[in-house]
């Protein structure tokens, strides 16, 4: 992608740092979300255990909501930056649609699904949204 949009080659740009930052900061929440999806959190009855605290619906829902919002927000800001700085000039509509539109739509629509899941976790107080 950095061959297509030079702002990703510039280590002083937002595009570079939002990807770099998201790449690092979303690893722990992603692991947490995956653990919450595959482990039977309903079987944790000891409220003092580390597992019941870290995998509690409140904690998982809040951390997941923040992570998915961060990813979606970064995508929105990147696309606005791309358009505002006219980096589309000299490129065809099809090319911009494929490289910017489709590739970034994944980072917009999947986080919306994640936000919805986290709202369901917080609303229901359990992980049933993953079943």
Foldseek 3Di string as FASTA:
>chain_A
DCVLPVLCVDPVHLVVVLVVVLVPVCVVLVVLLVCLLPDPLVPDDPCPDPSVVSSWLVNNLVSLLVSLVSQQVSLVVVVVVCVVVVSCPPPDPVVCCVPNVPVSVCSNVVSVVSNVQSVCSVVVRGNVVSD
